[in-house]
Amino acid sequence: MVQLCGLTVEQNKRIASLSKGFRQRLGLAQALLHNPKVLVLDEPTSGLDPNQLVEVRKLIRTVSKEKTVLFSTHILQEAEALCDRVIVINQGRIVADDKLSVLREGKGAVIVEFKEEVSEEDLRKVAGAADVKKLERNRFRISQSKDSDIRHALVRFAADRNLSLVELKREEGSLESIFGELTNVQENESS
């Protein structure tokens, strides 16, 4: 267990003298000692420096190959880095419970850049466009309405107006933006 959790170099020190990262590892070692089938962790990476974060993530990934690992976190980047499945709870109710890949479907935006000038108003009229934000002179971020992929519509838009596309790429929705959508919808429904 000492070796698995990377505690070998610190194994003879008092707990009070360990860094937060090593105390987190020690806590994981204690939890793993009885070989549980399910490991429940609460904020396992909170307060770690970048090097400790990498090591604890690596340890959690190693453990998760043989065990079910559930962890609670408010650090959504950690959930994105470590989780296959996500449960979002808002005001005590589950508002999402699915694979991260499924939650991201249709939640992204499209970055589009044209060689020629294009107005935001014209882009808002493209089928499936929920919001348009100008990033640079002829470059825009377009949020898609739910369950749409507007890339084909943008290609048609450019062709119909004889515009040259410089860039057209899809951005995946971040867990942070998905969380915001899910919890704001829930709050609005309860008002």
N, C-alpha and C. Protein backbone atom coordinates (compact mmCIF):
# COMPACT_ATOMS: atom_id res chain seq x y z
N MET A 1 0.83 -1.19 0.00
CA MET A 1 0.00 0.00 0.00
C MET A 1 0.87 1.26 0.00
N VAL A 2 1.96 1.20 0.76
CA VAL A 2 2.88 2.34 0.84
C VAL A 2 3.43 2.66 -0.54
N GLN A 3 3.82 1.63 -1.27
CA GLN A 3 4.39 1.82 -2.60
C GLN A 3 3.31 2.29 -3.59
N LEU A 4 2.13 1.64 -3.58
CA LEU A 4 1.04 2.00 -4.48
C LEU A 4 0.69 3.48 -4.35
N CYS A 5 0.64 3.97 -3.13
CA CYS A 5 0.23 5.35 -2.87
C CYS A 5 1.38 6.35 -2.89
N GLY A 6 2.58 5.88 -3.24
CA GLY A 6 3.72 6.79 -3.36
C GLY A 6 4.18 7.38 -2.05
N LEU A 7 4.09 6.58 -0.99
CA LEU A 7 4.46 7.06 0.34
C LEU A 7 5.83 6.57 0.80
N THR A 8 6.53 5.83 -0.02
CA THR A 8 7.80 5.22 0.38
C THR A 8 8.79 6.24 0.94
N VAL A 9 8.96 7.37 0.27
CA VAL A 9 9.96 8.35 0.71
C VAL A 9 9.57 9.04 2.01
N GLU A 10 8.31 8.99 2.38
CA GLU A 10 7.84 9.68 3.58
C GLU A 10 7.36 8.70 4.67
N GLN A 11 7.58 7.42 4.49
CA GLN A 11 6.97 6.42 5.37
C GLN A 11 7.40 6.48 6.83
N ASN A 12 8.51 7.08 7.12
CA ASN A 12 8.98 7.14 8.51
C ASN A 12 8.71 8.49 9.18
N LYS A 13 7.99 9.37 8.52
CA LYS A 13 7.70 10.69 9.10
C LYS A 13 6.39 10.67 9.87
N ARG A 14 6.26 11.62 10.78
CA ARG A 14 5.01 11.81 11.50
C ARG A 14 3.99 12.43 10.54
N ILE A 15 2.74 12.07 10.74
CA ILE A 15 1.67 12.57 9.86
C ILE A 15 1.64 14.10 9.86
N ALA A 16 1.82 14.71 11.02
CA ALA A 16 1.76 16.17 11.13
C ALA A 16 2.83 16.87 10.28
N SER A 17 3.92 16.16 9.98
CA SER A 17 4.99 16.79 9.21
C SER A 17 4.85 16.57 7.70
N LEU A 18 3.84 15.82 7.29
CA LEU A 18 3.63 15.56 5.86
C LEU A 18 2.98 16.75 5.18
N SER A 19 3.31 16.93 3.91
CA SER A 19 2.65 17.97 3.12
C SER A 19 1.20 17.56 2.88
N LYS A 20 0.40 18.50 2.41
CA LYS A 20 -1.02 18.19 2.15
C LYS A 20 -1.15 17.07 1.12
N GLY A 21 -0.31 17.09 0.11
CA GLY A 21 -0.34 16.05 -0.92
C GLY A 21 -0.08 14.67 -0.35
N PHE A 22 0.92 14.58 0.54
CA PHE A 22 1.21 13.28 1.15
C PHE A 22 0.14 12.88 2.14
N ARG A 23 -0.49 13.85 2.80
CA ARG A 23 -1.62 13.50 3.69
C ARG A 23 -2.81 12.99 2.88
N GLN A 24 -3.01 13.56 1.69
CA GLN A 24 -4.09 13.07 0.81
C GLN A 24 -3.78 11.63 0.40
N ARG A 25 -2.53 11.37 0.05
CA ARG A 25 -2.13 10.01 -0.33
C ARG A 25 -2.30 9.04 0.84
N LEU A 26 -1.95 9.50 2.03
CA LEU A 26 -2.10 8.67 3.22
C LEU A 26 -3.57 8.33 3.45
N GLY A 27 -4.43 9.32 3.27
CA GLY A 27 -5.87 9.08 3.40
C GLY A 27 -6.35 8.05 2.39
N LEU A 28 -5.85 8.12 1.16
CA LEU A 28 -6.20 7.12 0.14
C LEU A 28 -5.70 5.74 0.55
N ALA A 29 -4.48 5.68 1.07
CA ALA A 29 -3.92 4.40 1.52
C ALA A 29 -4.79 3.80 2.63
N GLN A 30 -5.20 4.63 3.58
CA GLN A 30 -6.06 4.16 4.66
C GLN A 30 -7.39 3.63 4.12
N ALA A 31 -7.95 4.34 3.15
CA ALA A 31 -9.22 3.92 2.57
C ALA A 31 -9.08 2.62 1.78
N LEU A 32 -7.92 2.41 1.17
CA LEU A 32 -7.70 1.22 0.35
C LEU A 32 -7.26 -0.01 1.15
N LEU A 33 -6.83 0.21 2.38
CA LEU A 33 -6.26 -0.84 3.21
C LEU A 33 -7.14 -2.09 3.30
N HIS A 34 -8.44 -1.92 3.37
CA HIS A 34 -9.34 -3.07 3.51
C HIS A 34 -9.89 -3.55 2.17
N ASN A 35 -9.28 -3.10 1.07
CA ASN A 35 -9.62 -3.53 -0.28
C ASN A 35 -11.12 -3.38 -0.60
N PRO A 36 -11.67 -2.18 -0.46
CA PRO A 36 -13.10 -2.00 -0.75
C PRO A 36 -13.38 -2.10 -2.25
N LYS A 37 -14.60 -2.50 -2.59
CA LYS A 37 -15.00 -2.56 -4.00
C LYS A 37 -15.31 -1.16 -4.51
N VAL A 38 -15.81 -0.31 -3.61
CA VAL A 38 -16.17 1.06 -3.96
C VAL A 38 -15.39 2.00 -3.04
N LEU A 39 -14.78 3.01 -3.62
CA LEU A 39 -14.01 3.99 -2.87
C LEU A 39 -14.71 5.34 -3.02
N VAL A 40 -15.08 5.95 -1.91
CA VAL A 40 -15.75 7.25 -1.92
C VAL A 40 -14.78 8.30 -1.42
N LEU A 41 -14.53 9.32 -2.23
CA LEU A 41 -13.57 10.37 -1.90
C LEU A 41 -14.28 11.72 -1.90
N ASP A 42 -13.95 12.56 -0.94
CA ASP A 42 -14.52 13.90 -0.87
C ASP A 42 -13.42 14.92 -1.12
N GLU A 43 -13.51 15.63 -2.22
CA GLU A 43 -12.53 16.67 -2.59
C GLU A 43 -11.09 16.15 -2.48
N PRO A 44 -10.75 15.06 -3.16
CA PRO A 44 -9.43 14.46 -3.00
C PRO A 44 -8.26 15.30 -3.51
N THR A 45 -8.52 16.30 -4.35
CA THR A 45 -7.42 17.09 -4.89
C THR A 45 -7.44 18.54 -4.42
N SER A 46 -8.32 18.85 -3.49
CA SER A 46 -8.45 20.22 -3.00
C SER A 46 -7.18 20.68 -2.29
N GLY A 47 -6.69 21.85 -2.68
CA GLY A 47 -5.55 22.46 -2.00
C GLY A 47 -4.20 21.90 -2.38
N LEU A 48 -4.12 21.08 -3.40
CA LEU A 48 -2.83 20.50 -3.80
C LEU A 48 -2.10 21.42 -4.76
N ASP A 49 -0.76 21.40 -4.69
CA ASP A 49 0.00 22.15 -5.67
C ASP A 49 -0.01 21.36 -6.99
N PRO A 50 0.38 21.96 -8.11
CA PRO A 50 0.28 21.29 -9.41
C PRO A 50 0.99 19.93 -9.48
N ASN A 51 2.15 19.79 -8.84
CA ASN A 51 2.85 18.51 -8.87
C ASN A 51 2.10 17.44 -8.07
N GLN A 52 1.60 17.84 -6.90
CA GLN A 52 0.83 16.90 -6.08
C GLN A 52 -0.45 16.51 -6.80
N LEU A 53 -1.07 17.46 -7.48
CA LEU A 53 -2.30 17.22 -8.22
C LEU A 53 -2.09 16.13 -9.27
N VAL A 54 -1.01 16.24 -10.01
CA VAL A 54 -0.70 15.24 -11.04
C VAL A 54 -0.54 13.86 -10.41
N GLU A 55 0.18 13.78 -9.30
CA GLU A 55 0.42 12.51 -8.64
C GLU A 55 -0.87 11.90 -8.06
N VAL A 56 -1.70 12.71 -7.44
CA VAL A 56 -2.94 12.18 -6.86
C VAL A 56 -3.90 11.75 -7.98
N ARG A 57 -3.96 12.51 -9.07
CA ARG A 57 -4.79 12.10 -10.22
C ARG A 57 -4.32 10.74 -10.75
N LYS A 58 -3.01 10.60 -10.88
CA LYS A 58 -2.43 9.34 -11.37
C LYS A 58 -2.82 8.19 -10.44
N LEU A 59 -2.75 8.42 -9.15
CA LEU A 59 -3.12 7.40 -8.17
C LEU A 59 -4.59 7.04 -8.29
N ILE A 60 -5.45 8.03 -8.42
CA ILE A 60 -6.90 7.76 -8.56
C ILE A 60 -7.17 6.98 -9.83
N ARG A 61 -6.51 7.33 -10.93
CA ARG A 61 -6.69 6.58 -12.19
C ARG A 61 -6.24 5.13 -12.02
N THR A 62 -5.13 4.92 -11.35
CA THR A 62 -4.63 3.55 -11.12
C THR A 62 -5.63 2.75 -10.31
N VAL A 63 -6.12 3.33 -9.22
CA VAL A 63 -7.07 2.65 -8.35
C VAL A 63 -8.38 2.36 -9.09
N SER A 64 -8.80 3.29 -9.95
CA SER A 64 -10.09 3.15 -10.63
C SER A 64 -10.09 2.05 -11.69
N LYS A 65 -8.94 1.51 -12.01
CA LYS A 65 -8.88 0.39 -12.96
C LYS A 65 -9.45 -0.88 -12.34
N GLU A 66 -9.39 -0.98 -11.01
CA GLU A 66 -9.85 -2.19 -10.32
C GLU A 66 -11.01 -1.95 -9.38
N LYS A 67 -11.38 -0.68 -9.14
CA LYS A 67 -12.44 -0.36 -8.18
C LYS A 67 -13.33 0.73 -8.75
N THR A 68 -14.52 0.79 -8.22
CA THR A 68 -15.40 1.91 -8.54
C THR A 68 -15.00 3.05 -7.62
N VAL A 69 -14.70 4.20 -8.21
CA VAL A 69 -14.30 5.37 -7.43
C VAL A 69 -15.36 6.45 -7.62
N LEU A 70 -15.96 6.85 -6.52
CA LEU A 70 -16.91 7.96 -6.51
C LEU A 70 -16.24 9.10 -5.78
N PHE A 71 -16.30 10.28 -6.37
CA PHE A 71 -15.79 11.40 -5.58
C PHE A 71 -16.63 12.65 -5.78
N SER A 72 -16.72 13.36 -4.69
CA SER A 72 -17.47 14.61 -4.64
C SER A 72 -16.48 15.74 -4.81
N THR A 73 -16.80 16.68 -5.70
CA THR A 73 -15.91 17.81 -5.90
C THR A 73 -16.68 19.01 -6.42
N HIS A 74 -16.20 20.18 -6.07
CA HIS A 74 -16.70 21.42 -6.65
C HIS A 74 -15.73 21.90 -7.73
N ILE A 75 -14.62 21.21 -7.87
CA ILE A 75 -13.61 21.56 -8.87
C ILE A 75 -13.96 20.78 -10.13
N LEU A 76 -14.70 21.42 -11.02
CA LEU A 76 -15.23 20.72 -12.19
C LEU A 76 -14.15 20.27 -13.16
N GLN A 77 -13.01 20.95 -13.18
CA GLN A 77 -11.89 20.52 -14.02
C GLN A 77 -11.40 19.14 -13.57
N GLU A 78 -11.49 18.87 -12.27
CA GLU A 78 -11.09 17.55 -11.76
C GLU A 78 -12.05 16.48 -12.25
N ALA A 79 -13.33 16.78 -12.21
CA ALA A 79 -14.32 15.82 -12.71
C ALA A 79 -14.07 15.55 -14.19
N GLU A 80 -13.78 16.59 -14.96
CA GLU A 80 -13.51 16.41 -16.39
C GLU A 80 -12.25 15.56 -16.60
N ALA A 81 -11.24 15.79 -15.78
CA ALA A 81 -9.97 15.08 -15.94
C ALA A 81 -10.06 13.62 -15.52
N LEU A 82 -10.93 13.30 -14.56
CA LEU A 82 -10.91 11.96 -13.97
C LEU A 82 -12.16 11.11 -14.21
N CYS A 83 -13.27 11.72 -14.53
CA CYS A 83 -14.53 10.97 -14.52
C CYS A 83 -15.02 10.56 -15.90
N ASP A 84 -15.63 9.39 -15.93
CA ASP A 84 -16.34 8.93 -17.12
C ASP A 84 -17.82 9.31 -17.00
N ARG A 85 -18.32 9.27 -15.80
CA ARG A 85 -19.73 9.54 -15.52
C ARG A 85 -19.82 10.66 -14.49
N VAL A 86 -20.84 11.52 -14.65
CA VAL A 86 -21.00 12.67 -13.77
C VAL A 86 -22.44 12.72 -13.27
N ILE A 87 -22.57 13.02 -11.99
CA ILE A 87 -23.88 13.29 -11.40
C ILE A 87 -23.84 14.73 -10.90
N VAL A 88 -24.80 15.53 -11.35
CA VAL A 88 -24.88 16.93 -10.91
C VAL A 88 -26.08 17.03 -9.98
N ILE A 89 -25.81 17.57 -8.79
CA ILE A 89 -26.86 17.74 -7.78
C ILE A 89 -27.05 19.23 -7.55
N ASN A 90 -28.29 19.67 -7.60
CA ASN A 90 -28.62 21.07 -7.36
C ASN A 90 -29.75 21.13 -6.34
N GLN A 91 -29.50 21.82 -5.24
CA GLN A 91 -30.49 21.99 -4.18
C GLN A 91 -31.06 20.64 -3.74
N GLY A 92 -30.15 19.66 -3.61
CA GLY A 92 -30.54 18.34 -3.09
C GLY A 92 -31.18 17.42 -4.10
N ARG A 93 -31.32 17.86 -5.35
CA ARG A 93 -31.93 17.02 -6.38
C ARG A 93 -30.93 16.71 -7.49
N ILE A 94 -30.98 15.49 -8.00
CA ILE A 94 -30.13 15.11 -9.12
C ILE A 94 -30.72 15.73 -10.39
N VAL A 95 -29.92 16.58 -11.05
CA VAL A 95 -30.38 17.23 -12.28
C VAL A 95 -29.70 16.64 -13.51
N ALA A 96 -28.67 15.82 -13.31
CA ALA A 96 -28.02 15.11 -14.42
C ALA A 96 -27.30 13.91 -13.85
N ASP A 97 -27.35 12.82 -14.60
CA ASP A 97 -26.66 11.59 -14.24
C ASP A 97 -26.38 10.84 -15.52
N ASP A 98 -25.18 11.04 -16.07
CA ASP A 98 -24.87 10.41 -17.35
C ASP A 98 -23.37 10.42 -17.59
N LYS A 99 -22.98 9.78 -18.67
CA LYS A 99 -21.58 9.82 -19.09
C LYS A 99 -21.25 11.25 -19.49
N LEU A 100 -20.04 11.67 -19.22
CA LEU A 100 -19.60 13.02 -19.54
C LEU A 100 -19.75 13.28 -21.05
N SER A 101 -19.42 12.30 -21.86
CA SER A 101 -19.53 12.46 -23.31
C SER A 101 -20.97 12.73 -23.73
N VAL A 102 -21.93 12.10 -23.07
CA VAL A 102 -23.35 12.32 -23.39
C VAL A 102 -23.78 13.71 -22.94
N LEU A 103 -23.35 14.13 -21.76
CA LEU A 103 -23.70 15.46 -21.27
C LEU A 103 -23.16 16.56 -22.18
N ARG A 104 -22.02 16.31 -22.81
CA ARG A 104 -21.40 17.31 -23.68
C ARG A 104 -22.08 17.40 -25.05
N GLU A 105 -22.78 16.36 -25.46
CA GLU A 105 -23.39 16.35 -26.80
C GLU A 105 -24.30 17.55 -26.99
N GLY A 106 -24.11 18.26 -28.07
CA GLY A 106 -24.96 19.39 -28.39
C GLY A 106 -24.78 20.60 -27.50
N LYS A 107 -23.79 20.58 -26.61
CA LYS A 107 -23.59 21.69 -25.68
C LYS A 107 -22.46 22.62 -26.11
N GLY A 108 -21.82 22.30 -27.20
CA GLY A 108 -20.67 23.08 -27.60
C GLY A 108 -21.04 24.29 -28.42
N ALA A 109 -20.02 24.94 -28.88
CA ALA A 109 -20.19 26.11 -29.73
C ALA A 109 -19.33 25.89 -30.97
N VAL A 110 -19.47 26.78 -31.91
CA VAL A 110 -18.68 26.73 -33.13
C VAL A 110 -17.90 28.03 -33.24
N ILE A 111 -16.63 27.90 -33.59
CA ILE A 111 -15.81 29.07 -33.90
C ILE A 111 -15.76 29.15 -35.42
N VAL A 112 -16.11 30.31 -35.95
CA VAL A 112 -16.11 30.49 -37.40
C VAL A 112 -15.42 31.81 -37.73
N GLU A 113 -14.60 31.76 -38.77
CA GLU A 113 -13.94 32.97 -39.24
C GLU A 113 -14.10 33.04 -40.75
N PHE A 114 -14.44 34.22 -41.21
CA PHE A 114 -14.60 34.46 -42.63
C PHE A 114 -13.50 35.39 -43.12
N LYS A 115 -13.14 35.29 -44.38
CA LYS A 115 -12.16 36.20 -44.97
C LYS A 115 -12.78 37.60 -45.11
N GLU A 116 -14.05 37.62 -45.45
CA GLU A 116 -14.76 38.88 -45.66
C GLU A 116 -15.52 39.29 -44.39
N GLU A 117 -15.97 40.52 -44.36
CA GLU A 117 -16.74 41.01 -43.21
C GLU A 117 -18.14 40.41 -43.22
N VAL A 118 -18.61 40.05 -42.03
CA VAL A 118 -19.94 39.47 -41.84
C VAL A 118 -20.53 40.13 -40.59
N SER A 119 -21.83 40.37 -40.61
CA SER A 119 -22.45 41.00 -39.45
C SER A 119 -22.96 39.94 -38.47
N GLU A 120 -22.93 40.31 -37.20
CA GLU A 120 -23.49 39.42 -36.16
C GLU A 120 -24.96 39.18 -36.42
N GLU A 121 -25.67 40.19 -36.86
CA GLU A 121 -27.11 40.05 -37.12
C GLU A 121 -27.39 38.98 -38.16
N ASP A 122 -26.59 38.95 -39.24
CA ASP A 122 -26.78 37.91 -40.27
C ASP A 122 -26.49 36.52 -39.71
N LEU A 123 -25.45 36.41 -38.87
CA LEU A 123 -25.11 35.11 -38.30
C LEU A 123 -26.18 34.62 -37.32
N ARG A 124 -26.85 35.53 -36.65
CA ARG A 124 -27.93 35.14 -35.72
C ARG A 124 -29.09 34.49 -36.46
N LYS A 125 -29.21 34.77 -37.75
CA LYS A 125 -30.30 34.21 -38.56
C LYS A 125 -30.00 32.79 -39.05
N VAL A 126 -28.76 32.32 -38.88
CA VAL A 126 -28.40 30.96 -39.32
C VAL A 126 -29.16 29.96 -38.46
N ALA A 127 -29.77 28.99 -39.11
CA ALA A 127 -30.57 27.98 -38.41
C ALA A 127 -29.72 27.27 -37.36
N GLY A 128 -30.22 27.26 -36.11
CA GLY A 128 -29.53 26.57 -35.02
C GLY A 128 -28.64 27.46 -34.18
N ALA A 129 -28.46 28.73 -34.60
CA ALA A 129 -27.62 29.65 -33.83
C ALA A 129 -28.40 30.16 -32.63
N ALA A 130 -27.86 29.96 -31.42
CA ALA A 130 -28.53 30.43 -30.21
C ALA A 130 -27.98 31.79 -29.79
N ASP A 131 -26.67 31.99 -29.97
CA ASP A 131 -26.05 33.25 -29.58
C ASP A 131 -24.80 33.44 -30.43
N VAL A 132 -24.49 34.67 -30.74
CA VAL A 132 -23.31 35.00 -31.54
C VAL A 132 -22.48 36.02 -30.79
N LYS A 133 -21.20 35.74 -30.69
CA LYS A 133 -20.29 36.68 -30.02
C LYS A 133 -19.10 36.92 -30.95
N LYS A 134 -18.84 38.19 -31.22
CA LYS A 134 -17.71 38.56 -32.07
C LYS A 134 -16.43 38.44 -31.26
N LEU A 135 -15.46 37.67 -31.76
CA LEU A 135 -14.19 37.48 -31.07
C LEU A 135 -13.12 38.43 -31.62
N GLU A 136 -13.09 38.53 -32.92
CA GLU A 136 -12.15 39.42 -33.62
C GLU A 136 -12.88 39.98 -34.82
N ARG A 137 -12.16 40.63 -35.71
CA ARG A 137 -12.76 41.31 -36.84
C ARG A 137 -13.80 40.46 -37.58
N ASN A 138 -13.42 39.31 -38.08
CA ASN A 138 -14.32 38.44 -38.84
C ASN A 138 -14.45 37.05 -38.21
N ARG A 139 -14.15 36.97 -36.92
CA ARG A 139 -14.15 35.69 -36.21
C ARG A 139 -15.21 35.72 -35.12
N PHE A 140 -16.01 34.65 -35.03
CA PHE A 140 -17.15 34.62 -34.13
C PHE A 140 -17.22 33.28 -33.38
N ARG A 141 -17.81 33.34 -32.20
CA ARG A 141 -18.16 32.13 -31.44
C ARG A 141 -19.68 32.07 -31.45
N ILE A 142 -20.20 30.97 -31.98
CA ILE A 142 -21.65 30.82 -32.10
C ILE A 142 -22.10 29.66 -31.23
N SER A 143 -22.90 29.97 -30.22
CA SER A 143 -23.51 28.93 -29.39
C SER A 143 -24.64 28.32 -30.17
N GLN A 144 -24.74 27.01 -30.08
CA GLN A 144 -25.75 26.29 -30.83
C GLN A 144 -26.98 26.06 -29.98
N SER A 145 -28.14 26.09 -30.61
CA SER A 145 -29.34 25.72 -29.87
C SER A 145 -29.26 24.22 -29.59
N LYS A 146 -30.00 23.78 -28.59
CA LYS A 146 -29.92 22.40 -28.13
C LYS A 146 -30.10 21.41 -29.29
N ASP A 147 -29.29 20.36 -29.27
CA ASP A 147 -29.36 19.27 -30.23
C ASP A 147 -29.17 19.72 -31.68
N SER A 148 -28.31 20.71 -31.90
CA SER A 148 -28.05 21.09 -33.29
C SER A 148 -26.55 21.17 -33.53
N ASP A 149 -26.19 20.98 -34.78
CA ASP A 149 -24.81 21.18 -35.22
C ASP A 149 -24.92 22.12 -36.41
N ILE A 150 -24.50 23.36 -36.20
CA ILE A 150 -24.75 24.38 -37.21
C ILE A 150 -23.64 24.49 -38.26
N ARG A 151 -22.67 23.60 -38.23
CA ARG A 151 -21.57 23.71 -39.18
C ARG A 151 -22.04 23.64 -40.63
N HIS A 152 -22.96 22.72 -40.93
CA HIS A 152 -23.48 22.61 -42.31
C HIS A 152 -24.21 23.89 -42.70
N ALA A 153 -24.99 24.44 -41.78
CA ALA A 153 -25.73 25.68 -42.06
C ALA A 153 -24.76 26.83 -42.30
N LEU A 154 -23.63 26.86 -41.59
CA LEU A 154 -22.64 27.91 -41.78
C LEU A 154 -21.93 27.78 -43.13
N VAL A 155 -21.68 26.55 -43.55
CA VAL A 155 -21.07 26.33 -44.87
C VAL A 155 -22.04 26.81 -45.95
N ARG A 156 -23.32 26.48 -45.79
CA ARG A 156 -24.34 26.93 -46.75
C ARG A 156 -24.45 28.45 -46.73
N PHE A 157 -24.43 29.05 -45.52
CA PHE A 157 -24.46 30.51 -45.37
C PHE A 157 -23.31 31.15 -46.15
N ALA A 158 -22.11 30.62 -45.99
CA ALA A 158 -20.93 31.16 -46.68
C ALA A 158 -21.05 30.98 -48.19
N ALA A 159 -21.50 29.81 -48.64
CA ALA A 159 -21.64 29.55 -50.07
C ALA A 159 -22.68 30.47 -50.70
N ASP A 160 -23.82 30.65 -50.04
CA ASP A 160 -24.89 31.50 -50.57
C ASP A 160 -24.46 32.95 -50.72
N ARG A 161 -23.52 33.40 -49.88
CA ARG A 161 -23.08 34.80 -49.90
C ARG A 161 -21.69 34.96 -50.53
N ASN A 162 -21.19 33.87 -51.11
CA ASN A 162 -19.88 33.87 -51.75
C ASN A 162 -18.78 34.34 -50.78
N LEU A 163 -18.83 33.83 -49.55
CA LEU A 163 -17.85 34.15 -48.52
C LEU A 163 -16.82 33.02 -48.42
N SER A 164 -15.60 33.38 -48.07
CA SER A 164 -14.55 32.38 -47.87
C SER A 164 -14.44 32.05 -46.39
N LEU A 165 -14.52 30.78 -46.06
CA LEU A 165 -14.32 30.33 -44.67
C LEU A 165 -12.83 30.18 -44.40
N VAL A 166 -12.35 30.82 -43.35
CA VAL A 166 -10.96 30.70 -42.94
C VAL A 166 -10.85 29.63 -41.86
N GLU A 167 -11.88 29.56 -40.99
CA GLU A 167 -11.87 28.61 -39.88
C GLU A 167 -13.31 28.20 -39.58
N LEU A 168 -13.48 26.93 -39.28
CA LEU A 168 -14.77 26.42 -38.83
C LEU A 168 -14.47 25.21 -37.95
N LYS A 169 -14.62 25.38 -36.63
CA LYS A 169 -14.33 24.27 -35.74
C LYS A 169 -15.34 24.24 -34.60
N ARG A 170 -15.58 23.06 -34.12
CA ARG A 170 -16.52 22.86 -33.04
C ARG A 170 -15.78 22.83 -31.71
N GLU A 171 -16.33 23.50 -30.72
CA GLU A 171 -15.81 23.45 -29.36
C GLU A 171 -16.73 22.57 -28.53
N GLU A 172 -16.14 21.67 -27.75
CA GLU A 172 -16.95 20.87 -26.84
C GLU A 172 -17.42 21.73 -25.68
N GLY A 173 -18.58 21.42 -25.17
CA GLY A 173 -19.06 22.12 -23.98
C GLY A 173 -18.24 21.71 -22.77
N SER A 174 -17.87 22.66 -21.96
CA SER A 174 -17.12 22.33 -20.74
C SER A 174 -18.10 21.89 -19.67
N LEU A 175 -17.63 21.12 -18.73
CA LEU A 175 -18.48 20.70 -17.62
C LEU A 175 -18.95 21.92 -16.84
N GLU A 176 -18.11 22.94 -16.77
CA GLU A 176 -18.48 24.16 -16.07
C GLU A 176 -19.70 24.82 -16.72
N SER A 177 -19.70 24.91 -18.06
CA SER A 177 -20.84 25.53 -18.74
C SER A 177 -22.08 24.64 -18.64
N ILE A 178 -21.90 23.34 -18.71
CA ILE A 178 -23.02 22.40 -18.58
C ILE A 178 -23.62 22.51 -17.18
N PHE A 179 -22.76 22.55 -16.16
CA PHE A 179 -23.21 22.69 -14.78
C PHE A 179 -24.03 23.97 -14.62
N GLY A 180 -23.51 25.06 -15.18
CA GLY A 180 -24.21 26.34 -15.11
C GLY A 180 -25.59 26.27 -15.74
N GLU A 181 -25.68 25.66 -16.91
CA GLU A 181 -26.97 25.50 -17.58
C GLU A 181 -27.93 24.68 -16.74
N LEU A 182 -27.44 23.56 -16.23
CA LEU A 182 -28.30 22.65 -15.46
C LEU A 182 -28.79 23.28 -14.16
N THR A 183 -27.92 23.97 -13.47
CA THR A 183 -28.32 24.54 -12.18
C THR A 183 -29.12 25.82 -12.35
N ASN A 184 -28.86 26.60 -13.38
CA ASN A 184 -29.66 27.80 -13.63
C ASN A 184 -31.07 27.43 -14.07
N VAL A 185 -31.19 26.40 -14.92
CA VAL A 185 -32.52 25.94 -15.35
C VAL A 185 -33.31 25.50 -14.14
N GLN A 186 -32.67 24.75 -13.27
CA GLN A 186 -33.34 24.25 -12.07
C GLN A 186 -33.79 25.39 -11.17
N GLU A 187 -32.91 26.39 -11.00
CA GLU A 187 -33.27 27.54 -10.16
C GLU A 187 -34.44 28.31 -10.75
N ASN A 188 -34.42 28.48 -12.09
CA ASN A 188 -35.50 29.22 -12.75
C ASN A 188 -36.82 28.48 -12.65
N GLU A 189 -36.79 27.13 -12.70
CA GLU A 189 -38.02 26.33 -12.61
C GLU A 189 -38.64 26.44 -11.21
N SER A 190 -37.77 26.59 -10.19
CA SER A 190 -38.30 26.65 -8.82
C SER A 190 -38.78 28.04 -8.44
N SER A 191 -38.53 29.04 -9.29
CA SER A 191 -38.95 30.42 -8.99
C SER A 191 -40.40 30.65 -9.33
